[in-house]
Amino acid sequence: MPKVKNAFFVLWFCMASQYTFADPLQTEVIQKGLASYLESNTNELIEMHDALLGLKEKDSQNEELELQILFHEFLISDLSSKKQKKKFSAMCISKSNMAEEANAYQAELFALLS
């Protein structure tokens, strides 16, 4: 189960993200990911991650999609067992430069991934 101190921040982020100018689909993807994280539902997070990877194959130049995939990888690595944690942490580390250079969601990514 995620740490209680992080739960408050995640709930606040869910509520705040509703009022941003983000695409409603992007907001929904993020909120579903956070809900699964709070429920410690790793399997659902992995399914969402795989679905996002499928979308990436169709649109490989979409920066927002890349950030959503990174976000899910971070959540999965935080909840997973040692073997999965190692795999998804490596994915996050390999994309760290992309996150630093991202134009969208910079503040949110910095807050969540730090």
C-alpha atoms as a PDB file:
ATOM      1  CA  MET A   1       0.000   0.000   0.000  1.00  0.00           C
ATOM      2  CA  PRO A   2       1.389   3.454  -0.866  1.00  0.00           C
ATOM      3  CA  LYS A   3       2.657   5.612   1.935  1.00  0.00           C
ATOM      4  CA  VAL A   4      -0.040   7.683   3.615  1.00  0.00           C
ATOM      5  CA  LYS A   5       1.879  10.934   3.195  1.00  0.00           C
ATOM      6  CA  ASN A   6       1.945  10.376  -0.566  1.00  0.00           C
ATOM      7  CA  ALA A   7      -1.779   9.583  -0.659  1.00  0.00           C
ATOM      8  CA  PHE A   8      -2.688  13.161   0.250  1.00  0.00           C
ATOM      9  CA  PHE A   9      -0.529  14.539  -2.545  1.00  0.00           C
ATOM     10  CA  VAL A  10      -1.964  12.080  -5.068  1.00  0.00           C
ATOM     11  CA  LEU A  11      -5.540  12.978  -4.108  1.00  0.00           C
ATOM     12  CA  TRP A  12      -4.719  16.668  -4.356  1.00  0.00           C
ATOM     13  CA  PHE A  13      -3.151  16.107  -7.771  1.00  0.00           C
ATOM     14  CA  CYS A  14      -6.298  14.282  -8.982  1.00  0.00           C
ATOM     15  CA  MET A  15      -8.516  17.145  -7.924  1.00  0.00           C
ATOM     16  CA  ALA A  16      -6.223  19.825  -9.323  1.00  0.00           C
ATOM     17  CA  SER A  17      -5.795  18.065 -12.648  1.00  0.00           C
ATOM     18  CA  GLN A  18      -9.525  18.344 -13.304  1.00  0.00           C
ATOM     19  CA  TYR A  19      -9.192  22.115 -13.503  1.00  0.00           C
ATOM     20  CA  THR A  20      -6.187  22.322 -15.790  1.00  0.00           C
ATOM     21  CA  PHE A  21      -6.317  22.995 -19.491  1.00  0.00           C
ATOM     22  CA  ALA A  22      -5.223  19.448 -20.277  1.00  0.00           C
ATOM     23  CA  ASP A  23      -6.939  17.300 -22.825  1.00  0.00           C
ATOM     24  CA  PRO A  24      -9.815  15.451 -21.083  1.00  0.00           C
ATOM     25  CA  LEU A  25      -8.504  12.093 -22.323  1.00  0.00           C
ATOM     26  CA  GLN A  26      -5.038  12.794 -20.887  1.00  0.00           C
ATOM     27  CA  THR A  27      -6.582  13.844 -17.581  1.00  0.00           C
ATOM     28  CA  GLU A  28      -8.668  10.662 -17.506  1.00  0.00           C
ATOM     29  CA  VAL A  29      -5.612   8.477 -18.161  1.00  0.00           C
ATOM     30  CA  ILE A  30      -3.692  10.163 -15.347  1.00  0.00           C
ATOM     31  CA  GLN A  31      -6.609   9.944 -12.918  1.00  0.00           C
ATOM     32  CA  LYS A  32      -7.191   6.255 -13.655  1.00  0.00           C
ATOM     33  CA  GLY A  33      -3.501   5.596 -13.093  1.00  0.00           C
ATOM     34  CA  LEU A  34      -3.531   7.422  -9.775  1.00  0.00           C
ATOM     35  CA  ALA A  35      -6.696   5.611  -8.673  1.00  0.00           C
ATOM     36  CA  SER A  36      -5.088   2.255  -9.440  1.00  0.00           C
ATOM     37  CA  TYR A  37      -1.983   3.373  -7.564  1.00  0.00           C
ATOM     38  CA  LEU A  38      -4.006   4.277  -4.478  1.00  0.00           C
ATOM     39  CA  GLU A  39      -5.727   0.887  -4.650  1.00  0.00           C
ATOM     40  CA  SER A  40      -2.318  -0.784  -5.086  1.00  0.00           C
ATOM     41  CA  ASN A  41      -3.656  -2.409  -8.255  1.00  0.00           C
ATOM     42  CA  THR A  42      -0.436  -3.200 -10.096  1.00  0.00           C
ATOM     43  CA  ASN A  43      -2.133  -5.459 -12.652  1.00  0.00           C
ATOM     44  CA  GLU A  44      -4.469  -2.678 -13.787  1.00  0.00           C
ATOM     45  CA  LEU A  45      -1.551  -0.252 -14.042  1.00  0.00           C
ATOM     46  CA  ILE A  46       0.347  -2.742 -16.206  1.00  0.00           C
ATOM     47  CA  GLU A  47      -2.719  -3.184 -18.449  1.00  0.00           C
ATOM     48  CA  MET A  48      -2.990   0.604 -18.855  1.00  0.00           C
ATOM     49  CA  HIS A  49       0.750   0.790 -19.565  1.00  0.00           C
ATOM     50  CA  ASP A  50       0.441  -1.874 -22.265  1.00  0.00           C
ATOM     51  CA  ALA A  51      -2.536  -0.057 -23.812  1.00  0.00           C
ATOM     52  CA  LEU A  52      -0.520   3.169 -23.928  1.00  0.00           C
ATOM     53  CA  LEU A  53       2.370   1.313 -25.570  1.00  0.00           C
ATOM     54  CA  GLY A  54      -0.095   0.101 -28.220  1.00  0.00           C
ATOM     55  CA  LEU A  55      -1.150   3.688 -28.882  1.00  0.00           C
ATOM     56  CA  LYS A  56       2.497   4.723 -29.079  1.00  0.00           C
ATOM     57  CA  GLU A  57       3.081   2.281 -31.930  1.00  0.00           C
ATOM     58  CA  LYS A  58       0.459   4.180 -33.938  1.00  0.00           C
ATOM     59  CA  ASP A  59       1.760   7.648 -32.989  1.00  0.00           C
ATOM     60  CA  SER A  60       5.433   7.423 -32.067  1.00  0.00           C
ATOM     61  CA  GLN A  61       5.983  11.216 -32.066  1.00  0.00           C
ATOM     62  CA  ASN A  62       3.422  12.036 -29.355  1.00  0.00           C
ATOM     63  CA  GLU A  63       5.285  13.601 -26.405  1.00  0.00           C
ATOM     64  CA  GLU A  64       2.253  13.592 -24.092  1.00  0.00           C
ATOM     65  CA  LEU A  65       1.795   9.868 -24.682  1.00  0.00           C
ATOM     66  CA  GLU A  66       5.466   9.263 -23.838  1.00  0.00           C
ATOM     67  CA  LEU A  67       5.015  11.163 -20.574  1.00  0.00           C
ATOM     68  CA  GLN A  68       1.893   9.170 -19.700  1.00  0.00           C
ATOM     69  CA  ILE A  69       3.821   5.946 -20.304  1.00  0.00           C
ATOM     70  CA  LEU A  70       6.657   7.202 -18.088  1.00  0.00           C
ATOM     71  CA  PHE A  71       4.136   8.156 -15.405  1.00  0.00           C
ATOM     72  CA  HIS A  72       2.659   4.639 -15.412  1.00  0.00           C
ATOM     73  CA  GLU A  73       6.127   3.073 -15.323  1.00  0.00           C
ATOM     74  CA  PHE A  74       6.946   5.161 -12.261  1.00  0.00           C
ATOM     75  CA  LEU A  75       3.747   4.118 -10.466  1.00  0.00           C
ATOM     76  CA  ILE A  76       4.267   0.457 -11.361  1.00  0.00           C
ATOM     77  CA  SER A  77       7.867   0.491 -10.146  1.00  0.00           C
ATOM     78  CA  ASP A  78       6.782   2.000  -6.832  1.00  0.00           C
ATOM     79  CA  LEU A  79       4.205  -0.754  -6.189  1.00  0.00           C
ATOM     80  CA  SER A  80       5.876  -3.786  -7.711  1.00  0.00           C
ATOM     81  CA  SER A  81       7.822  -6.713  -6.396  1.00  0.00           C
ATOM     82  CA  LYS A  82      11.602  -6.668  -6.686  1.00  0.00           C
ATOM     83  CA  LYS A  83      11.766  -8.208 -10.189  1.00  0.00           C
ATOM     84  CA  GLN A  84       9.126  -5.918 -11.717  1.00  0.00           C
ATOM     85  CA  LYS A  85      10.457  -2.919  -9.792  1.00  0.00           C
ATOM     86  CA  LYS A  86      13.874  -3.424 -11.370  1.00  0.00           C
ATOM     87  CA  LYS A  87      12.384  -3.679 -14.874  1.00  0.00           C
ATOM     88  CA  PHE A  88      10.125  -0.626 -14.624  1.00  0.00           C
ATOM     89  CA  SER A  89      12.715   1.454 -12.753  1.00  0.00           C
ATOM     90  CA  ALA A  90      15.147   0.815 -15.594  1.00  0.00           C
ATOM     91  CA  MET A  91      12.496   2.031 -18.058  1.00  0.00           C
ATOM     92  CA  CYS A  92      12.035   5.219 -16.023  1.00  0.00           C
ATOM     93  CA  ILE A  93      15.763   5.849 -15.826  1.00  0.00           C
ATOM     94  CA  SER A  94      16.178   5.338 -19.566  1.00  0.00           C
ATOM     95  CA  LYS A  95      13.560   8.036 -20.211  1.00  0.00           C
ATOM     96  CA  SER A  96      14.758  10.543 -17.622  1.00  0.00           C
ATOM     97  CA  ASN A  97      16.227  12.882 -20.262  1.00  0.00           C
ATOM     98  CA  MET A  98      12.917  12.913 -22.123  1.00  0.00           C
ATOM     99  CA  ALA A  99      11.114  13.928 -18.926  1.00  0.00           C
ATOM    100  CA  GLU A 100      13.564  16.751 -18.251  1.00  0.00           C
ATOM    101  CA  GLU A 101      13.108  18.161 -21.759  1.00  0.00           C
ATOM    102  CA  ALA A 102       9.322  17.775 -21.868  1.00  0.00           C
ATOM    103  CA  ASN A 103       7.289  20.873 -22.617  1.00  0.00           C
ATOM    104  CA  ALA A 104       4.026  19.518 -21.221  1.00  0.00           C
ATOM    105  CA  TYR A 105       3.411  18.517 -17.607  1.00  0.00           C
ATOM    106  CA  GLN A 106       6.856  19.681 -16.439  1.00  0.00           C
ATOM    107  CA  ALA A 107       5.746  20.783 -12.987  1.00  0.00           C
ATOM    108  CA  GLU A 108       3.563  17.727 -12.438  1.00  0.00           C
ATOM    109  CA  LEU A 109       6.274  15.332 -13.573  1.00  0.00           C
ATOM    110  CA  PHE A 110       8.898  16.978 -11.421  1.00  0.00           C
ATOM    111  CA  ALA A 111       6.642  16.802  -8.372  1.00  0.00           C
ATOM    112  CA  LEU A 112       5.647  13.182  -8.886  1.00  0.00           C
ATOM    113  CA  LEU A 113       8.945  11.733 -10.025  1.00  0.00           C
ATOM    114  CA  SER A 114      11.146  13.439  -7.449  1.00  0.00           C
END
